[in-house]
Amino acid sequence: GGFDNNAVATANILDTNIQDVGGKPYYYLSVLTRTADGDEGGKHQLITATVNGGKLYICKAQAGDKRWFKGANKFVEKAATSFSVA
């Protein structure tokens, strides 16, 4: 994973969104990555980010492509959208 050679073959941004929550902008990003080895057909990654007090806070939730279409998307989406910074 990470920045290893041949770790990620492609990364596609599927969706982006910005919402104001409690006076703070929250940035939502949906990414589908495909690994060079074809593991699970790729991974759906939902990233939520905001800045508070000059610090960046990020939540990343993910599921493999096969599990995503078997219902894991509901749990991953719930985790990503429930993220908040006090």
PDB file of N, CA and C in Angstrom:
ATOM      1  N   GLY A   1       0.807  -1.189   0.000  1.00  0.00           N
ATOM      2  CA  GLY A   1       0.000   0.000   0.000  1.00  0.00           C
ATOM      3  C   GLY A   1       0.845   1.245   0.000  1.00  0.00           C
ATOM      4  N   GLY A   2       0.215   2.358   0.292  1.00  0.00           N
ATOM      5  CA  GLY A   2       0.907   3.632   0.394  1.00  0.00           C
ATOM      6  C   GLY A   2       1.573   4.046  -0.896  1.00  0.00           C
ATOM      7  N   PHE A   3       2.861   4.370  -0.804  1.00  0.00           N
ATOM      8  CA  PHE A   3       3.595   4.852  -1.965  1.00  0.00           C
ATOM      9  C   PHE A   3       4.522   3.796  -2.551  1.00  0.00           C
ATOM     10  N   ASP A   4       4.296   2.534  -2.211  1.00  0.00           N
ATOM     11  CA  ASP A   4       5.104   1.460  -2.776  1.00  0.00           C
ATOM     12  C   ASP A   4       4.924   1.422  -4.289  1.00  0.00           C
ATOM     13  N   ASN A   5       5.963   0.995  -4.991  1.00  0.00           N
ATOM     14  CA  ASN A   5       5.859   0.830  -6.438  1.00  0.00           C
ATOM     15  C   ASN A   5       4.757  -0.156  -6.772  1.00  0.00           C
ATOM     16  N   ASN A   6       3.977   0.144  -7.783  1.00  0.00           N
ATOM     17  CA  ASN A   6       2.894  -0.710  -8.276  1.00  0.00           C
ATOM     18  C   ASN A   6       1.804  -0.970  -7.242  1.00  0.00           C
ATOM     19  N   ALA A   7       1.698  -0.131  -6.214  1.00  0.00           N
ATOM     20  CA  ALA A   7       0.677  -0.334  -5.184  1.00  0.00           C
ATOM     21  C   ALA A   7      -0.709   0.034  -5.701  1.00  0.00           C
ATOM     22  N   VAL A   8      -0.798   1.111  -6.456  1.00  0.00           N
ATOM     23  CA  VAL A   8      -2.081   1.536  -7.012  1.00  0.00           C
ATOM     24  C   VAL A   8      -1.910   1.733  -8.507  1.00  0.00           C
ATOM     25  N   ALA A   9      -2.744   1.057  -9.289  1.00  0.00           N
ATOM     26  CA  ALA A   9      -2.664   1.179 -10.737  1.00  0.00           C
ATOM     27  C   ALA A   9      -3.439   2.401 -11.221  1.00  0.00           C
ATOM     28  N   THR A  10      -4.628   2.625 -10.652  1.00  0.00           N
ATOM     29  CA  THR A  10      -5.439   3.787 -11.026  1.00  0.00           C
ATOM     30  C   THR A  10      -6.229   4.278  -9.823  1.00  0.00           C
ATOM     31  N   ALA A  11      -6.569   5.546  -9.863  1.00  0.00           N
ATOM     32  CA  ALA A  11      -7.445   6.138  -8.849  1.00  0.00           C
ATOM     33  C   ALA A  11      -8.413   7.057  -9.575  1.00  0.00           C
ATOM     34  N   ASN A  12      -9.702   6.810  -9.400  1.00  0.00           N
ATOM     35  CA  ASN A  12     -10.735   7.605 -10.053  1.00  0.00           C
ATOM     36  C   ASN A  12     -11.566   8.338  -9.013  1.00  0.00           C
ATOM     37  N   ILE A  13     -11.723   9.642  -9.190  1.00  0.00           N
ATOM     38  CA  ILE A  13     -12.593  10.416  -8.311  1.00  0.00           C
ATOM     39  C   ILE A  13     -14.014  10.258  -8.835  1.00  0.00           C
ATOM     40  N   LEU A  14     -14.878   9.673  -8.011  1.00  0.00           N
ATOM     41  CA  LEU A  14     -16.253   9.403  -8.421  1.00  0.00           C
ATOM     42  C   LEU A  14     -17.197  10.540  -8.054  1.00  0.00           C
ATOM     43  N   ASP A  15     -16.902  11.231  -6.945  1.00  0.00           N
ATOM     44  CA  ASP A  15     -17.810  12.290  -6.498  1.00  0.00           C
ATOM     45  C   ASP A  15     -17.073  13.223  -5.551  1.00  0.00           C
ATOM     46  N   THR A  16     -17.456  14.488  -5.570  1.00  0.00           N
ATOM     47  CA  THR A  16     -16.954  15.468  -4.606  1.00  0.00           C
ATOM     48  C   THR A  16     -18.122  16.314  -4.142  1.00  0.00           C
ATOM     49  N   ASN A  17     -18.009  16.826  -2.925  1.00  0.00           N
ATOM     50  CA  ASN A  17     -19.087  17.642  -2.377  1.00  0.00           C
ATOM     51  C   ASN A  17     -18.521  18.473  -1.230  1.00  0.00           C
ATOM     52  N   ILE A  18     -19.071  19.650  -1.034  1.00  0.00           N
ATOM     53  CA  ILE A  18     -18.724  20.488   0.113  1.00  0.00           C
ATOM     54  C   ILE A  18     -20.026  20.859   0.800  1.00  0.00           C
ATOM     55  N   GLN A  19     -20.078  20.638   2.114  1.00  0.00           N
ATOM     56  CA  GLN A  19     -21.268  21.000   2.888  1.00  0.00           C
ATOM     57  C   GLN A  19     -20.848  21.801   4.101  1.00  0.00           C
ATOM     58  N   ASP A  20     -21.672  22.774   4.463  1.00  0.00           N
ATOM     59  CA  ASP A  20     -21.443  23.545   5.674  1.00  0.00           C
ATOM     60  C   ASP A  20     -22.140  22.829   6.824  1.00  0.00           C
ATOM     61  N   VAL A  21     -21.377  22.459   7.844  1.00  0.00           N
ATOM     62  CA  VAL A  21     -21.929  21.780   9.015  1.00  0.00           C
ATOM     63  C   VAL A  21     -21.474  22.558  10.243  1.00  0.00           C
ATOM     64  N   GLY A  22     -22.416  23.176  10.923  1.00  0.00           N
ATOM     65  CA  GLY A  22     -22.080  23.936  12.123  1.00  0.00           C
ATOM     66  C   GLY A  22     -21.121  25.083  11.861  1.00  0.00           C
ATOM     67  N   GLY A  23     -21.221  25.681  10.684  1.00  0.00           N
ATOM     68  CA  GLY A  23     -20.353  26.799  10.343  1.00  0.00           C
ATOM     69  C   GLY A  23     -18.985  26.416   9.813  1.00  0.00           C
ATOM     70  N   LYS A  24     -18.730  25.111   9.653  1.00  0.00           N
ATOM     71  CA  LYS A  24     -17.450  24.639   9.117  1.00  0.00           C
ATOM     72  C   LYS A  24     -17.691  23.940   7.779  1.00  0.00           C
ATOM     73  N   PRO A  25     -16.828  24.197   6.798  1.00  0.00           N
ATOM     74  CA  PRO A  25     -16.954  23.442   5.548  1.00  0.00           C
ATOM     75  C   PRO A  25     -16.404  22.023   5.719  1.00  0.00           C
ATOM     76  N   TYR A  26     -17.180  21.059   5.279  1.00  0.00           N
ATOM     77  CA  TYR A  26     -16.740  19.661   5.262  1.00  0.00           C
ATOM     78  C   TYR A  26     -16.618  19.250   3.799  1.00  0.00           C
ATOM     79  N   TYR A  27     -15.491  18.674   3.466  1.00  0.00           N
ATOM     80  CA  TYR A  27     -15.199  18.263   2.102  1.00  0.00           C
ATOM     81  C   TYR A  27     -15.355  16.749   2.010  1.00  0.00           C
ATOM     82  N   TYR A  28     -16.147  16.305   1.045  1.00  0.00           N
ATOM     83  CA  TYR A  28     -16.403  14.876   0.843  1.00  0.00           C
ATOM     84  C   TYR A  28     -15.824  14.464  -0.507  1.00  0.00           C
ATOM     85  N   LEU A  29     -15.159  13.336  -0.508  1.00  0.00           N
ATOM     86  CA  LEU A  29     -14.518  12.835  -1.716  1.00  0.00           C
ATOM     87  C   LEU A  29     -14.729  11.328  -1.795  1.00  0.00           C
ATOM     88  N   SER A  30     -15.188  10.864  -2.939  1.00  0.00           N
ATOM     89  CA  SER A  30     -15.364   9.432  -3.172  1.00  0.00           C
ATOM     90  C   SER A  30     -14.356   9.006  -4.234  1.00  0.00           C
ATOM     91  N   VAL A  31     -13.506   8.042  -3.878  1.00  0.00           N
ATOM     92  CA  VAL A  31     -12.430   7.604  -4.770  1.00  0.00           C
ATOM     93  C   VAL A  31     -12.506   6.088  -4.944  1.00  0.00           C
ATOM     94  N   LEU A  32     -12.325   5.634  -6.167  1.00  0.00           N
ATOM     95  CA  LEU A  32     -12.216   4.197  -6.450  1.00  0.00           C
ATOM     96  C   LEU A  32     -10.792   3.942  -6.911  1.00  0.00           C
ATOM     97  N   THR A  33     -10.065   3.122  -6.155  1.00  0.00           N
ATOM     98  CA  THR A  33      -8.693   2.779  -6.543  1.00  0.00           C
ATOM     99  C   THR A  33      -8.651   1.334  -7.017  1.00  0.00           C
ATOM    100  N   ARG A  34      -7.827   1.108  -7.987  1.00  0.00           N
ATOM    101  CA  ARG A  34      -7.583  -0.248  -8.487  1.00  0.00           C
ATOM    102  C   ARG A  34      -6.115  -0.555  -8.246  1.00  0.00           C
ATOM    103  N   THR A  35      -5.851  -1.674  -7.617  1.00  0.00           N
ATOM    104  CA  THR A  35      -4.472  -2.047  -7.331  1.00  0.00           C
ATOM    105  C   THR A  35      -3.876  -2.819  -8.494  1.00  0.00           C
ATOM    106  N   ALA A  36      -2.560  -2.802  -8.558  1.00  0.00           N
ATOM    107  CA  ALA A  36      -1.867  -3.492  -9.642  1.00  0.00           C
ATOM    108  C   ALA A  36      -2.130  -4.989  -9.615  1.00  0.00           C
ATOM    109  N   ASP A  37      -2.349  -5.546  -8.402  1.00  0.00           N
ATOM    110  CA  ASP A  37      -2.577  -6.993  -8.309  1.00  0.00           C
ATOM    111  C   ASP A  37      -4.050  -7.366  -8.463  1.00  0.00           C
ATOM    112  N   GLY A  38      -4.940  -6.361  -8.603  1.00  0.00           N
ATOM    113  CA  GLY A  38      -6.357  -6.639  -8.807  1.00  0.00           C
ATOM    114  C   GLY A  38      -7.081  -7.109  -7.568  1.00  0.00           C
ATOM    115  N   ASP A  39      -6.528  -6.870  -6.380  1.00  0.00           N
ATOM    116  CA  ASP A  39      -7.125  -7.310  -5.118  1.00  0.00           C
ATOM    117  C   ASP A  39      -8.550  -6.796  -4.978  1.00  0.00           C
ATOM    118  N   GLU A  40      -9.491  -7.710  -4.904  1.00  0.00           N
ATOM    119  CA  GLU A  40     -10.921  -7.420  -4.736  1.00  0.00           C
ATOM    120  C   GLU A  40     -11.489  -6.535  -5.831  1.00  0.00           C
ATOM    121  N   GLY A  41     -10.788  -6.335  -6.898  1.00  0.00           N
ATOM    122  CA  GLY A  41     -11.288  -5.484  -7.962  1.00  0.00           C
ATOM    123  C   GLY A  41     -11.129  -4.008  -7.668  1.00  0.00           C
ATOM    124  N   GLY A  42     -10.570  -3.664  -6.532  1.00  0.00           N
ATOM    125  CA  GLY A  42     -10.362  -2.266  -6.173  1.00  0.00           C
ATOM    126  C   GLY A  42     -10.993  -1.945  -4.841  1.00  0.00           C
ATOM    127  N   LYS A  43     -10.839  -0.695  -4.430  1.00  0.00           N
ATOM    128  CA  LYS A  43     -11.397  -0.255  -3.154  1.00  0.00           C
ATOM    129  C   LYS A  43     -12.130   1.061  -3.325  1.00  0.00           C
ATOM    130  N   HIS A  44     -13.297   1.135  -2.706  1.00  0.00           N
ATOM    131  CA  HIS A  44     -14.059   2.376  -2.637  1.00  0.00           C
ATOM    132  C   HIS A  44     -13.624   3.077  -1.361  1.00  0.00           C
ATOM    133  N   GLN A  45     -13.181   4.310  -1.489  1.00  0.00           N
ATOM    134  CA  GLN A  45     -12.718   5.070  -0.341  1.00  0.00           C
ATOM    135  C   GLN A  45     -13.504   6.369  -0.254  1.00  0.00           C
ATOM    136  N   LEU A  46     -14.117   6.594   0.891  1.00  0.00           N
ATOM    137  CA  LEU A  46     -14.840   7.830   1.142  1.00  0.00           C
ATOM    138  C   LEU A  46     -14.026   8.637   2.140  1.00  0.00           C
ATOM    139  N   ILE A  47     -13.702   9.849   1.764  1.00  0.00           N
ATOM    140  CA  ILE A  47     -12.855  10.706   2.583  1.00  0.00           C
ATOM    141  C   ILE A  47     -13.643  11.952   2.958  1.00  0.00           C
ATOM    142  N   THR A  48     -13.650  12.261   4.247  1.00  0.00           N
ATOM    143  CA  THR A  48     -14.284  13.468   4.758  1.00  0.00           C
ATOM    144  C   THR A  48     -13.196  14.279   5.447  1.00  0.00           C
ATOM    145  N   ALA A  49     -13.148  15.583   5.169  1.00  0.00           N
ATOM    146  CA  ALA A  49     -12.111  16.420   5.768  1.00  0.00           C
ATOM    147  C   ALA A  49     -12.675  17.780   6.148  1.00  0.00           C
ATOM    148  N   THR A  50     -12.101  18.354   7.195  1.00  0.00           N
ATOM    149  CA  THR A  50     -12.436  19.714   7.606  1.00  0.00           C
ATOM    150  C   THR A  50     -11.234  20.313   8.322  1.00  0.00           C
ATOM    151  N   VAL A  51     -11.258  21.625   8.475  1.00  0.00           N
ATOM    152  CA  VAL A  51     -10.209  22.328   9.210  1.00  0.00           C
ATOM    153  C   VAL A  51     -10.847  22.985  10.418  1.00  0.00           C
ATOM    154  N   ASN A  52     -10.200  22.822  11.580  1.00  0.00           N
ATOM    155  CA  ASN A  52     -10.692  23.438  12.812  1.00  0.00           C
ATOM    156  C   ASN A  52      -9.484  23.888  13.630  1.00  0.00           C
ATOM    157  N   GLY A  53      -9.479  25.135  14.034  1.00  0.00           N
ATOM    158  CA  GLY A  53      -8.369  25.642  14.828  1.00  0.00           C
ATOM    159  C   GLY A  53      -7.032  25.542  14.122  1.00  0.00           C
ATOM    160  N   GLY A  54      -7.038  25.674  12.803  1.00  0.00           N
ATOM    161  CA  GLY A  54      -5.805  25.606  12.030  1.00  0.00           C
ATOM    162  C   GLY A  54      -5.267  24.203  11.811  1.00  0.00           C
ATOM    163  N   LYS A  55      -6.027  23.184  12.198  1.00  0.00           N
ATOM    164  CA  LYS A  55      -5.600  21.791  12.016  1.00  0.00           C
ATOM    165  C   LYS A  55      -6.537  21.081  11.047  1.00  0.00           C
ATOM    166  N   LEU A  56      -5.963  20.214  10.236  1.00  0.00           N
ATOM    167  CA  LEU A  56      -6.720  19.429   9.269  1.00  0.00           C
ATOM    168  C   LEU A  56      -7.126  18.104   9.901  1.00  0.00           C
ATOM    169  N   TYR A  57      -8.413  17.790   9.821  1.00  0.00           N
ATOM    170  CA  TYR A  57      -8.944  16.521  10.331  1.00  0.00           C
ATOM    171  C   TYR A  57      -9.508  15.733   9.155  1.00  0.00           C
ATOM    172  N   ILE A  58      -9.136  14.459   9.082  1.00  0.00           N
ATOM    173  CA  ILE A  58      -9.557  13.607   7.967  1.00  0.00           C
ATOM    174  C   ILE A  58     -10.099  12.285   8.493  1.00  0.00           C
ATOM    175  N   CYS A  59     -11.195  11.838   7.882  1.00  0.00           N
ATOM    176  CA  CYS A  59     -11.739  10.505   8.145  1.00  0.00           C
ATOM    177  C   CYS A  59     -11.766   9.764   6.811  1.00  0.00           C
ATOM    178  N   LYS A  60     -11.182   8.574   6.772  1.00  0.00           N
ATOM    179  CA  LYS A  60     -11.231   7.755   5.560  1.00  0.00           C
ATOM    180  C   LYS A  60     -11.887   6.428   5.908  1.00  0.00           C
ATOM    181  N   ALA A  61     -12.913   6.093   5.180  1.00  0.00           N
ATOM    182  CA  ALA A  61     -13.594   4.807   5.348  1.00  0.00           C
ATOM    183  C   ALA A  61     -13.552   4.105   3.994  1.00  0.00           C
ATOM    184  N   GLN A  62     -13.326   2.797   4.008  1.00  0.00           N
ATOM    185  CA  GLN A  62     -13.197   2.097   2.734  1.00  0.00           C
ATOM    186  C   GLN A  62     -13.752   0.686   2.797  1.00  0.00           C
ATOM    187  N   ALA A  63     -14.050   0.169   1.624  1.00  0.00           N
ATOM    188  CA  ALA A  63     -14.487  -1.223   1.470  1.00  0.00           C
ATOM    189  C   ALA A  63     -14.038  -1.707   0.100  1.00  0.00           C
ATOM    190  N   GLY A  64     -13.741  -2.990   0.024  1.00  0.00           N
ATOM    191  CA  GLY A  64     -13.381  -3.593  -1.253  1.00  0.00           C
ATOM    192  C   GLY A  64     -14.562  -3.559  -2.211  1.00  0.00           C
ATOM    193  N   ASP A  65     -14.255  -3.554  -3.499  1.00  0.00           N
ATOM    194  CA  ASP A  65     -15.278  -3.439  -4.540  1.00  0.00           C
ATOM    195  C   ASP A  65     -16.344  -4.524  -4.426  1.00  0.00           C
ATOM    196  N   LYS A  66     -15.932  -5.764  -4.193  1.00  0.00           N
ATOM    197  CA  LYS A  66     -16.901  -6.861  -4.093  1.00  0.00           C
ATOM    198  C   LYS A  66     -17.824  -6.672  -2.900  1.00  0.00           C
ATOM    199  N   ARG A  67     -17.266  -6.283  -1.755  1.00  0.00           N
ATOM    200  CA  ARG A  67     -18.077  -6.065  -0.548  1.00  0.00           C
ATOM    201  C   ARG A  67     -18.962  -4.825  -0.687  1.00  0.00           C
ATOM    202  N   TRP A  68     -18.451  -3.821  -1.391  1.00  0.00           N
ATOM    203  CA  TRP A  68     -19.202  -2.575  -1.604  1.00  0.00           C
ATOM    204  C   TRP A  68     -20.571  -2.884  -2.201  1.00  0.00           C
ATOM    205  N   PHE A  69     -20.585  -3.719  -3.229  1.00  0.00           N
ATOM    206  CA  PHE A  69     -21.832  -4.035  -3.917  1.00  0.00           C
ATOM    207  C   PHE A  69     -22.649  -5.117  -3.221  1.00  0.00           C
ATOM    208  N   LYS A  70     -22.124  -5.662  -2.129  1.00  0.00           N
ATOM    209  CA  LYS A  70     -22.888  -6.616  -1.318  1.00  0.00           C
ATOM    210  C   LYS A  70     -23.469  -5.943  -0.086  1.00  0.00           C
ATOM    211  N   GLY A  71     -23.418  -4.597  -0.041  1.00  0.00           N
ATOM    212  CA  GLY A  71     -24.053  -3.864   1.048  1.00  0.00           C
ATOM    213  C   GLY A  71     -23.130  -3.104   1.972  1.00  0.00           C
ATOM    214  N   ALA A  72     -21.821  -3.292   1.846  1.00  0.00           N
ATOM    215  CA  ALA A  72     -20.885  -2.582   2.730  1.00  0.00           C
ATOM    216  C   ALA A  72     -20.917  -1.080   2.496  1.00  0.00           C
ATOM    217  N   ASN A  73     -21.389  -0.666   1.308  1.00  0.00           N
ATOM    218  CA  ASN A  73     -21.446   0.768   1.013  1.00  0.00           C
ATOM    219  C   ASN A  73     -22.263   1.532   2.050  1.00  0.00           C
ATOM    220  N   LYS A  74     -23.319   0.927   2.583  1.00  0.00           N
ATOM    221  CA  LYS A  74     -24.161   1.606   3.574  1.00  0.00           C
ATOM    222  C   LYS A  74     -23.377   1.918   4.841  1.00  0.00           C
ATOM    223  N   PHE A  75     -22.565   0.965   5.297  1.00  0.00           N
ATOM    224  CA  PHE A  75     -21.781   1.159   6.516  1.00  0.00           C
ATOM    225  C   PHE A  75     -20.663   2.179   6.303  1.00  0.00           C
ATOM    226  N   VAL A  76     -20.018   2.105   5.151  1.00  0.00           N
ATOM    227  CA  VAL A  76     -18.929   3.028   4.842  1.00  0.00           C
ATOM    228  C   VAL A  76     -19.472   4.452   4.695  1.00  0.00           C
ATOM    229  N   GLU A  77     -20.588   4.598   3.998  1.00  0.00           N
ATOM    230  CA  GLU A  77     -21.194   5.920   3.828  1.00  0.00           C
ATOM    231  C   GLU A  77     -21.630   6.500   5.171  1.00  0.00           C
ATOM    232  N   LYS A  78     -22.176   5.666   6.045  1.00  0.00           N
ATOM    233  CA  LYS A  78     -22.597   6.122   7.373  1.00  0.00           C
ATOM    234  C   LYS A  78     -21.393   6.610   8.176  1.00  0.00           C
ATOM    235  N   ALA A  79     -20.299   5.872   8.124  1.00  0.00           N
ATOM    236  CA  ALA A  79     -19.087   6.277   8.847  1.00  0.00           C
ATOM    237  C   ALA A  79     -18.560   7.608   8.321  1.00  0.00           C
ATOM    238  N   ALA A  80     -18.525   7.757   7.007  1.00  0.00           N
ATOM    239  CA  ALA A  80     -17.982   8.982   6.409  1.00  0.00           C
ATOM    240  C   ALA A  80     -18.863  10.196   6.693  1.00  0.00           C
ATOM    241  N   THR A  81     -20.173  10.026   6.635  1.00  0.00           N
ATOM    242  CA  THR A  81     -21.068  11.173   6.836  1.00  0.00           C
ATOM    243  C   THR A  81     -21.292  11.503   8.305  1.00  0.00           C
ATOM    244  N   SER A  82     -20.963  10.590   9.206  1.00  0.00           N
ATOM    245  CA  SER A  82     -21.153  10.870  10.632  1.00  0.00           C
ATOM    246  C   SER A  82     -19.932  11.558  11.252  1.00  0.00           C
ATOM    247  N   PHE A  83     -18.845  11.669  10.510  1.00  0.00           N
ATOM    248  CA  PHE A  83     -17.626  12.300  11.008  1.00  0.00           C
ATOM    249  C   PHE A  83     -17.871  13.775  11.290  1.00  0.00           C
ATOM    250  N   SER A  84     -17.487  14.212  12.480  1.00  0.00           N
ATOM    251  CA  SER A  84     -17.585  15.642  12.810  1.00  0.00           C
ATOM    252  C   SER A  84     -16.496  16.013  13.808  1.00  0.00           C
ATOM    253  N   VAL A  85     -16.126  17.272  13.793  1.00  0.00           N
ATOM    254  CA  VAL A  85     -15.119  17.806  14.702  1.00  0.00           C
ATOM    255  C   VAL A  85     -15.803  18.827  15.593  1.00  0.00           C
ATOM    256  N   ALA A  86     -15.625  18.677  16.902  1.00  0.00           N
ATOM    257  CA  ALA A  86     -16.285  19.578  17.862  1.00  0.00           C
ATOM    258  C   ALA A  86     -15.660  20.955  17.846  1.00  0.00           C
TER     259      ALA A  86
END
